[in-house]
Protein backbone atom coordinates (compact mmCIF):
# COMPACT_ATOMS: atom_id res chain seq x y z
CA MET A 1 87.00 91.86 103.65
CA PHE A 2 89.79 89.98 101.87
CA GLY A 3 89.07 91.28 98.37
CA ARG A 4 90.72 94.07 96.46
CA ASP A 5 89.50 96.65 98.95
CA ARG A 6 91.36 95.05 101.86
CA PHE A 7 94.11 97.64 101.46
CA TYR A 8 93.92 101.33 102.22
CA PRO A 9 93.81 103.78 99.28
CA GLY A 10 97.33 104.24 98.02
CA GLU A 11 98.73 101.43 100.20
CA ARG A 12 101.53 99.54 98.48
CA ILE A 13 102.82 96.01 99.09
CA LEU A 14 106.54 95.81 99.81
CA TYR A 15 106.76 92.14 100.78
CA GLU A 16 104.38 89.21 100.27
CA ALA A 17 105.07 85.54 100.99
CA HIS A 18 103.78 82.24 102.33
CA PRO A 19 105.57 80.38 105.14
CA ARG A 20 108.28 77.93 104.16
CA PHE A 21 106.24 74.82 103.43
CA ILE A 22 108.85 72.33 104.55
CA LEU A 23 109.08 74.07 107.96
CA ASN A 24 105.48 75.13 108.42
CA SER A 25 104.03 71.73 107.51
CA ARG A 26 106.19 69.18 109.28
CA SER A 27 103.14 67.12 110.22
CA THR A 28 102.08 67.14 106.58
CA LEU A 29 105.37 65.53 105.56
CA ILE A 30 104.79 62.79 108.14
CA LYS A 31 101.31 62.18 106.72
CA VAL A 32 102.75 61.95 103.20
CA ILE A 33 105.32 59.38 104.35
CA LEU A 34 102.63 57.30 106.08
CA SER A 35 100.46 57.41 102.96
CA LEU A 36 103.35 56.20 100.80
CA ILE A 37 104.07 53.38 103.24
CA ILE A 38 100.41 52.25 103.16
CA VAL A 39 100.34 52.32 99.35
CA TYR A 40 103.65 50.47 99.09
CA TYR A 41 102.70 47.71 101.54
CA PHE A 42 99.01 47.60 100.69
CA GLN A 43 99.11 44.45 98.57
CA ARG A 44 101.38 42.59 100.97
CA THR A 45 99.20 43.54 103.92
CA VAL A 46 96.06 42.33 102.14
CA GLU A 47 97.75 39.03 101.23
CA PHE A 48 98.88 38.55 104.82
CA ALA A 49 95.36 39.35 106.07
CA GLY A 50 93.99 36.81 103.58
CA SER A 51 96.22 34.10 104.99
CA LEU A 52 94.88 34.85 108.47
CA SER A 53 91.27 34.90 107.29
CA ARG A 54 91.02 31.12 107.39
CA VAL A 55 91.96 31.07 111.06
CA PHE A 56 89.52 33.88 111.91
CA LEU A 57 86.74 32.26 109.89
CA GLU A 58 87.21 28.89 111.54
CA ARG A 59 87.44 30.23 115.09
CA TYR A 60 85.41 33.43 115.09
CA GLY A 61 83.53 33.47 111.77
CA PHE A 62 85.19 36.77 111.00
CA ASN A 63 86.57 37.77 107.52
CA PHE A 64 89.79 39.50 108.53
CA ALA A 65 90.92 40.22 104.93
CA SER A 66 87.95 42.43 104.00
CA THR A 67 88.17 44.24 107.33
CA ALA A 68 91.88 44.93 106.79
CA VAL A 69 91.16 46.39 103.34
CA ILE A 70 88.45 48.66 104.73
CA ILE A 71 90.74 49.85 107.52
CA LEU A 72 93.67 50.55 105.20
CA LEU A 73 91.52 52.42 102.68
CA SER A 74 89.86 54.44 105.45
CA VAL A 75 93.20 55.45 106.96
CA LEU A 76 94.58 56.35 103.53
CA PHE A 77 91.51 58.44 102.74
CA ILE A 78 91.75 60.32 106.03
CA LEU A 79 95.44 60.99 105.47
CA LEU A 80 94.83 62.33 101.95
CA ILE A 81 92.04 64.64 103.13
CA SER A 82 94.25 65.88 105.96
CA ILE A 83 97.13 66.55 103.55
CA MET A 84 94.86 68.51 101.23
CA TRP A 85 93.60 70.56 104.18
CA ASP A 86 97.16 71.30 105.30
CA VAL A 87 98.10 72.47 101.82
CA LEU A 88 95.04 74.73 101.62
CA SER A 89 95.82 76.15 105.07
CA TRP A 90 99.39 76.86 103.98
CA ARG A 91 98.27 78.52 100.75
CA ASN A 92 95.82 80.72 102.64
CA ARG A 93 98.39 81.86 105.19
CA ARG A 94 100.11 84.95 103.88
CA TYR A 95 102.54 87.49 105.27
CA LEU A 96 102.46 91.02 103.91
CA VAL A 97 104.50 94.10 104.68
CA THR A 98 103.07 97.26 103.13
CA ASP A 99 104.22 100.84 103.40
CA GLN A 100 101.70 101.22 106.26
CA ARG A 101 101.22 97.88 108.04
CA VAL A 102 102.50 94.38 108.79
CA ILE A 103 99.71 91.87 108.01
CA VAL A 104 99.12 88.17 108.68
CA GLU A 105 96.22 86.48 106.86
CA SER A 106 95.09 82.89 107.52
CA GLY A 107 92.11 80.56 107.40
CA VAL A 108 90.44 78.40 104.75
CA ILE A 109 86.77 78.61 105.68
CA ARG A 110 86.90 81.20 108.43
CA LYS A 111 89.28 83.94 107.39
CA LYS A 112 91.42 85.74 109.95
CA ARG A 113 93.52 88.83 109.61
CA PHE A 114 95.92 90.46 112.06
CA TYR A 115 97.91 93.59 111.44
CA ILE A 116 99.91 96.29 113.17
CA HIS A 117 100.52 99.75 111.78
CA HIS A 118 104.15 100.77 111.42
CA ASP A 119 103.74 103.73 113.76
CA LYS A 120 102.47 101.33 116.48
CA ILE A 121 105.43 98.93 116.29
CA VAL A 122 107.64 99.09 119.37
CA ASP A 123 109.72 95.93 118.95
CA VAL A 124 110.54 93.19 116.43
CA VAL A 125 112.04 89.85 117.48
CA PHE A 126 113.66 87.40 115.06
CA SER A 127 114.39 83.80 116.00
CA GLN A 128 116.13 81.18 113.86
CA GLY A 129 117.05 77.57 114.33
CA LEU A 130 119.68 75.68 112.36
CA THR A 131 117.20 74.42 109.76
CA GLU A 132 115.67 77.87 109.41
CA ARG A 133 119.10 79.40 108.79
CA LEU A 134 119.78 76.85 106.07
CA LEU A 135 116.43 77.64 104.41
CA ASN A 136 116.73 81.42 104.89
CA SER A 137 113.67 81.78 107.08
CA ALA A 138 112.79 82.83 110.62
CA ASP A 139 109.99 83.38 113.11
CA VAL A 140 109.29 87.12 113.22
CA GLU A 141 107.38 88.52 116.20
CA VAL A 142 106.08 92.08 115.79
CA TYR A 143 104.96 93.82 119.00
CA GLY A 144 102.56 96.74 119.11
CA GLY A 145 102.27 99.59 121.56
CA HIS A 146 99.75 97.87 123.85
CA GLU A 147 100.48 94.89 126.05
CA GLY A 148 99.55 91.61 124.43
CA THR A 149 99.22 93.08 120.92
CA HIS A 150 101.64 91.25 118.68
CA ILE A 151 101.60 89.11 115.56
CA VAL A 152 103.89 86.24 114.58
CA LEU A 153 105.15 85.47 111.10
CA GLU A 154 106.11 81.81 111.55
CA ASP A 155 108.74 80.36 109.18
CA ALA A 156 108.74 83.54 107.11
CA PRO A 157 111.15 83.44 104.16
CA SER A 158 113.79 86.13 103.62
CA PRO A 159 113.62 87.62 107.13
CA SER A 160 116.29 90.20 106.26
CA ARG A 161 113.91 91.74 103.74
CA ILE A 162 111.17 91.96 106.37
CA GLU A 163 113.56 93.65 108.79
CA ASN A 164 114.73 96.04 106.09
CA TYR A 165 111.22 97.09 105.05
CA ILE A 166 110.00 97.49 108.64
CA ASN A 167 113.02 99.61 109.58
CA ARG A 168 112.57 101.82 106.55
CA SER A 169 108.83 102.19 107.10
CA THR A 170 109.05 102.91 110.83
CA GLY A 171 111.66 105.62 110.50
CA GLY A 172 114.63 103.40 111.23
CA GLY A 173 116.02 104.05 107.77
CA THR A 174 117.77 107.06 106.29
CA ALA A 175 116.79 109.47 103.57
CA ASP A 176 118.64 107.27 101.09
CA HIS A 177 116.40 104.36 102.12
CA ALA A 178 113.31 106.47 101.55
CA ALA A 179 114.49 107.39 98.06
CA GLU A 180 115.33 103.76 97.36
CA ILE A 181 111.90 102.49 98.39
CA ILE A 182 110.26 105.07 96.13
CA ARG A 183 112.34 103.86 93.21
CA GLU A 184 111.41 100.24 93.94
CA LEU A 185 107.71 101.05 94.02
CA SER A 186 107.77 103.15 90.85
CA ASP A 187 106.70 100.60 88.27
CA GLU A 188 106.31 103.12 85.51
CA THR A 189 107.05 106.78 84.87
CA PRO A 190 104.60 109.22 83.29
CA ASP A 191 104.99 109.71 79.54
CA LYS A 192 104.04 113.37 79.70
CA PRO A 193 104.93 116.10 82.22
CA GLY A 194 102.27 117.07 84.72
CA PHE A 195 100.93 120.48 85.65
CA SER A 196 103.57 120.82 88.37
CA ASP A 197 106.38 120.21 85.87
CA PRO A 198 107.76 123.50 84.47
CA SER A 199 108.36 121.77 81.13
CA PHE A 200 104.58 121.45 80.75
CA TRP A 201 104.34 125.17 80.24
CA GLU A 202 107.19 125.35 77.74
CA SER A 203 107.36 124.34 74.10
CA ASP A 204 109.78 124.89 71.27
CA GLU A 205 107.14 126.70 69.23
CA GLU A 206 106.46 129.28 71.93
CA GLU A 207 109.97 130.04 73.18
CA GLU A 208 110.28 133.22 71.16
CA GLN A 209 106.83 134.44 72.22
CA GLU A 210 107.60 133.60 75.86
CA GLU A 211 110.72 135.76 75.76
CA GLU A 212 108.78 138.61 74.16
CA TYR A 213 106.17 138.68 76.97
CA ALA A 214 108.50 137.70 79.80
CA ASP A 215 109.04 141.25 81.07
CA LYS A 216 105.47 142.48 80.62
CA PRO A 217 102.95 142.70 83.48
CA GLY A 218 100.64 139.70 83.68
CA SER A 219 102.94 137.66 81.42
CA VAL A 220 102.65 134.51 83.56
CA MET A 221 98.84 134.44 83.43
CA GLU A 222 98.84 135.23 79.74
CA ARG A 223 101.30 132.44 79.08
CA HIS A 224 99.18 129.92 80.99
CA SER A 225 96.04 131.15 79.21
CA ARG A 226 97.65 130.67 75.82
CA LYS A 227 98.78 127.19 76.88
CA PHE A 228 95.28 126.06 77.91
CA LYS A 229 93.81 127.57 74.72
CA ARG A 230 96.27 125.65 72.57
CA LEU A 231 95.54 122.39 74.42
CA ARG A 232 91.79 122.83 73.96
CA GLU A 233 92.29 123.43 70.23
CA GLU A 234 94.40 120.25 69.94
CA ASP A 235 91.74 118.22 71.80
CA GLY A 236 89.07 119.61 69.46
CA GLU A 237 91.06 118.55 66.38
CA GLU A 238 91.41 115.02 67.78
């Protein structure tokens, strides 16, 4: 479902991005800070726990130092696993705008995918806070034609690009926009003219013969027949 065939035939990606990590993973940053604090004060905490062990051993027969080490290591391990999970979740959350749909993909183990076709979009809402403006990101809410059908691109980078592509794909753009998007998507141009190109049926070697038969009945069919015959002969020589 999320392999190469997840796109429609001929569907092209206009925009693809992950959420801004620093905005989308605020809790992750807190976990990183806590982990650094535990590592930094680990030795001092163990030494302090060791000094209290004598009291706990004498009164309660309890080794406080070893317990403190186990607790600190357990908390650190949990924090590291949680950080790794947050990073994987961020990496697996993607926003895509194609020439046909707006797509949100998420999930590490259980994959989820939400999308709305451009012809179903009725409204797009952008919201930015101060931090989001500084980092050139925004929350983008795309609403479909039915009540309750909408998707949210949280902390999406370059929101102006998203707005531009959606407007152009939903008919909000002009003819110049349509021509521009075709130029952007054209990664390479054909080396040889196609059948629909008039230059395919013309060659320097045949110009004189073309003029000779131009005014005769059936000259177009004869010209095409000679062209195919010459191409077959060239393929046979190769």
